[in-house]
């Protein structure tokens, strides 16, 4: 077993969110992990409203999109 000595989340923290590869989760659709906790804490109300209109399902620090074009809209809006 390989021992990991570096912070594997260091790269994630440089972004507001990361896209999860489809084979890395069991949900149907496209998953995003919200990684910039300070940003999302300050913008959670706006994110929740945006997702209600645009098809995202917020669950903790993840957002699930059933349709690819909803994910694309999220990336364009929140990048």
C-alpha atoms as a PDB file:
ATOM      1  CA  UNK A   1       0.000   0.000   0.000  1.00  0.00           C
ATOM      2  CA  UNK A   2       1.315   3.415  -0.971  1.00  0.00           C
ATOM      3  CA  UNK A   3       1.624   5.926   1.833  1.00  0.00           C
ATOM      4  CA  UNK A   4       0.508   9.433   1.015  1.00  0.00           C
ATOM      5  CA  UNK A   5       2.657  12.039   2.690  1.00  0.00           C
ATOM      6  CA  UNK A   6       1.372  15.132   0.905  1.00  0.00           C
ATOM      7  CA  UNK A   7      -1.958  16.854   1.268  1.00  0.00           C
ATOM      8  CA  UNK A   8      -4.094  15.260  -1.435  1.00  0.00           C
ATOM      9  CA  UNK A   9      -6.662  18.074  -1.179  1.00  0.00           C
ATOM     10  CA  UNK A  10      -4.152  20.891  -1.718  1.00  0.00           C
ATOM     11  CA  UNK A  11      -4.984  21.175  -5.421  1.00  0.00           C
ATOM     12  CA  UNK A  12      -8.727  21.140  -4.724  1.00  0.00           C
ATOM     13  CA  UNK A  13      -8.442  24.109  -2.366  1.00  0.00           C
ATOM     14  CA  UNK A  14      -7.203  26.280  -5.224  1.00  0.00           C
ATOM     15  CA  UNK A  15     -10.669  26.111  -6.840  1.00  0.00           C
ATOM     16  CA  UNK A  16     -14.240  26.947  -5.813  1.00  0.00           C
ATOM     17  CA  UNK A  17     -15.372  23.475  -6.845  1.00  0.00           C
ATOM     18  CA  UNK A  18     -14.199  20.292  -8.532  1.00  0.00           C
ATOM     19  CA  UNK A  19     -16.054  17.957 -10.863  1.00  0.00           C
ATOM     20  CA  UNK A  20     -16.262  14.341  -9.731  1.00  0.00           C
ATOM     21  CA  UNK A  21     -15.520  11.697 -12.349  1.00  0.00           C
ATOM     22  CA  UNK A  22     -18.651   9.609 -13.045  1.00  0.00           C
ATOM     23  CA  UNK A  23     -16.957   6.367 -11.984  1.00  0.00           C
ATOM     24  CA  UNK A  24     -16.101   7.909  -8.595  1.00  0.00           C
ATOM     25  CA  UNK A  25     -19.701   8.228  -7.348  1.00  0.00           C
ATOM     26  CA  UNK A  26     -22.867   6.161  -7.430  1.00  0.00           C
ATOM     27  CA  UNK A  27     -25.360   8.934  -8.183  1.00  0.00           C
ATOM     28  CA  UNK A  28     -27.041   9.297 -11.566  1.00  0.00           C
ATOM     29  CA  UNK A  29     -25.878  12.552 -13.064  1.00  0.00           C
ATOM     30  CA  UNK A  30     -22.955  14.892 -12.635  1.00  0.00           C
ATOM     31  CA  UNK A  31     -21.504  15.655  -9.215  1.00  0.00           C
ATOM     32  CA  UNK A  32     -19.606  18.727  -8.051  1.00  0.00           C
ATOM     33  CA  UNK A  33     -17.765  19.044  -4.733  1.00  0.00           C
ATOM     34  CA  UNK A  34     -17.743  22.547  -3.254  1.00  0.00           C
ATOM     35  CA  UNK A  35     -14.150  23.016  -2.098  1.00  0.00           C
ATOM     36  CA  UNK A  36     -13.793  26.712  -1.256  1.00  0.00           C
ATOM     37  CA  UNK A  37     -15.750  26.555   1.988  1.00  0.00           C
ATOM     38  CA  UNK A  38     -15.362  30.244   2.798  1.00  0.00           C
ATOM     39  CA  UNK A  39     -16.713  31.293  -0.596  1.00  0.00           C
ATOM     40  CA  UNK A  40     -19.654  28.900  -0.427  1.00  0.00           C
ATOM     41  CA  UNK A  41     -20.512  29.846   3.161  1.00  0.00           C
ATOM     42  CA  UNK A  42     -20.774  33.467   2.030  1.00  0.00           C
ATOM     43  CA  UNK A  43     -22.816  32.553  -1.069  1.00  0.00           C
ATOM     44  CA  UNK A  44     -24.911  29.581   0.052  1.00  0.00           C
ATOM     45  CA  UNK A  45     -28.254  31.400  -0.195  1.00  0.00           C
ATOM     46  CA  UNK A  46     -27.515  32.507  -3.737  1.00  0.00           C
ATOM     47  CA  UNK A  47     -26.301  29.012  -4.661  1.00  0.00           C
ATOM     48  CA  UNK A  48     -29.456  27.390  -3.240  1.00  0.00           C
ATOM     49  CA  UNK A  49     -31.687  29.839  -5.139  1.00  0.00           C
ATOM     50  CA  UNK A  50     -29.696  29.346  -8.325  1.00  0.00           C
ATOM     51  CA  UNK A  51     -29.916  25.554  -8.021  1.00  0.00           C
ATOM     52  CA  UNK A  52     -33.680  25.670  -7.417  1.00  0.00           C
ATOM     53  CA  UNK A  53     -34.114  27.519 -10.717  1.00  0.00           C
ATOM     54  CA  UNK A  54     -31.428  25.683 -12.703  1.00  0.00           C
ATOM     55  CA  UNK A  55     -31.760  22.061 -11.648  1.00  0.00           C
ATOM     56  CA  UNK A  56     -29.016  21.470  -9.100  1.00  0.00           C
ATOM     57  CA  UNK A  57     -29.503  19.463  -5.904  1.00  0.00           C
ATOM     58  CA  UNK A  58     -27.349  20.740  -3.030  1.00  0.00           C
ATOM     59  CA  UNK A  59     -26.493  18.154  -0.388  1.00  0.00           C
ATOM     60  CA  UNK A  60     -23.885  19.332   2.106  1.00  0.00           C
ATOM     61  CA  UNK A  61     -20.731  20.147   0.164  1.00  0.00           C
ATOM     62  CA  UNK A  62     -21.893  18.483  -3.056  1.00  0.00           C
ATOM     63  CA  UNK A  63     -24.181  19.525  -5.879  1.00  0.00           C
ATOM     64  CA  UNK A  64     -25.758  16.972  -8.206  1.00  0.00           C
ATOM     65  CA  UNK A  65     -26.965  17.779 -11.703  1.00  0.00           C
ATOM     66  CA  UNK A  66     -29.143  15.282 -13.562  1.00  0.00           C
ATOM     67  CA  UNK A  67     -28.551  16.907 -16.954  1.00  0.00           C
ATOM     68  CA  UNK A  68     -25.237  17.872 -18.518  1.00  0.00           C
ATOM     69  CA  UNK A  69     -26.461  21.282 -19.681  1.00  0.00           C
ATOM     70  CA  UNK A  70     -27.345  22.163 -16.058  1.00  0.00           C
ATOM     71  CA  UNK A  71     -23.770  21.320 -15.063  1.00  0.00           C
ATOM     72  CA  UNK A  72     -22.483  23.487 -17.908  1.00  0.00           C
ATOM     73  CA  UNK A  73     -24.635  26.400 -16.724  1.00  0.00           C
ATOM     74  CA  UNK A  74     -23.245  25.928 -13.191  1.00  0.00           C
ATOM     75  CA  UNK A  75     -19.641  25.978 -14.420  1.00  0.00           C
ATOM     76  CA  UNK A  76     -20.272  29.106 -16.474  1.00  0.00           C
ATOM     77  CA  UNK A  77     -22.007  30.879 -13.583  1.00  0.00           C
ATOM     78  CA  UNK A  78     -19.774  29.922 -10.668  1.00  0.00           C
ATOM     79  CA  UNK A  79     -16.250  29.608 -12.117  1.00  0.00           C
END
